[in-house]
Amino acid sequence: MDYWEEKYKDLLYDYRELQRKYDKLQADYNKKYNELDSANFKIRTELEPRIQNERRSYDSWVTDPMRGSYDE
């Protein structure tokens, strides 16, 4: 094998290794992106409405003029 063939094979090997690493990183990225998207969906559809409901409930309790008379 001459020098250029050896150099070509070395570069090809390096390229394939980098491609494997890239593919793995891309798969990891896609997995994390999907997990984040799922978490954001749960926050928007489940947690935020609960928080808003609790806030309204608390505001209603705090502003209730009869609140102090319930304790008597």
Protein backbone atom coordinates (compact mmCIF):
# COMPACT_ATOMS: atom_id res chain seq x y z
CA MET A 1 0.00 0.00 0.00
CA ASP A 2 1.34 3.38 -0.81
CA TYR A 3 1.30 6.46 1.38
CA TRP A 4 -1.85 7.99 -0.13
CA GLU A 5 -3.87 4.81 0.19
CA GLU A 6 -2.90 4.57 3.84
CA LYS A 7 -3.76 8.22 4.38
CA TYR A 8 -7.11 7.72 2.64
CA LYS A 9 -7.97 4.70 4.83
CA ASP A 10 -7.00 6.60 7.98
CA LEU A 11 -9.18 9.54 6.99
CA LEU A 12 -12.04 7.25 6.08
CA TYR A 13 -11.78 5.55 9.46
CA ASP A 14 -11.74 8.92 11.25
CA TYR A 15 -14.73 10.07 9.21
CA ARG A 16 -16.74 6.95 10.10
CA GLU A 17 -15.89 7.33 13.78
CA LEU A 18 -17.00 10.96 13.71
CA GLN A 19 -20.17 9.98 11.88
CA ARG A 20 -20.98 7.39 14.57
CA LYS A 21 -20.40 9.98 17.30
CA TYR A 22 -22.56 12.49 15.45
CA ASP A 23 -25.36 9.95 15.03
CA LYS A 24 -25.24 9.09 18.74
CA LEU A 25 -25.29 12.76 19.73
CA GLN A 26 -28.17 13.41 17.35
CA ALA A 27 -30.15 10.53 18.87
CA ASP A 28 -29.42 11.82 22.38
CA TYR A 29 -30.48 15.31 21.35
CA ASN A 30 -33.73 14.03 19.84
CA LYS A 31 -34.49 12.05 23.00
CA LYS A 32 -33.86 15.08 25.25
CA TYR A 33 -35.86 17.34 22.94
CA ASN A 34 -38.83 14.96 23.13
CA GLU A 35 -38.56 14.75 26.92
CA LEU A 36 -38.46 18.53 27.18
CA ASP A 37 -41.41 18.92 24.83
CA SER A 38 -43.38 16.39 26.87
CA ALA A 39 -42.54 18.19 30.12
CA ASN A 40 -43.56 21.55 28.64
CA PHE A 41 -46.84 20.05 27.47
CA LYS A 42 -47.59 18.74 30.97
CA ILE A 43 -46.76 22.12 32.48
CA ARG A 44 -49.05 23.96 30.06
CA THR A 45 -51.95 21.52 30.24
CA GLU A 46 -51.83 20.28 33.84
CA LEU A 47 -49.78 22.45 36.16
CA GLU A 48 -50.52 25.96 34.94
CA PRO A 49 -54.32 25.47 35.13
CA ARG A 50 -53.94 24.09 38.67
CA ILE A 51 -51.78 27.02 39.73
CA GLN A 52 -54.26 29.50 38.25
CA ASN A 53 -57.11 27.75 40.02
CA GLU A 54 -55.26 27.84 43.34
CA ARG A 55 -54.44 31.52 42.80
CA ARG A 56 -58.11 32.35 42.16
CA SER A 57 -59.15 30.32 45.18
CA TYR A 58 -56.62 32.06 47.42
CA ASP A 59 -57.52 35.52 46.06
CA SER A 60 -61.16 34.76 46.69
CA TRP A 61 -60.43 33.64 50.25
CA VAL A 62 -58.24 36.68 51.00
CA THR A 63 -60.77 39.18 49.66
CA ASP A 64 -63.79 37.53 51.33
CA PRO A 65 -65.24 40.16 53.71
CA MET A 66 -66.74 37.42 55.87
CA ARG A 67 -63.39 35.63 56.32
CA GLY A 68 -62.78 36.96 59.83
CA SER A 69 -66.32 36.20 61.00
CA TYR A 70 -66.00 32.47 60.30
CA ASP A 71 -63.60 32.02 63.21
CA GLU A 72 -66.06 33.34 65.80
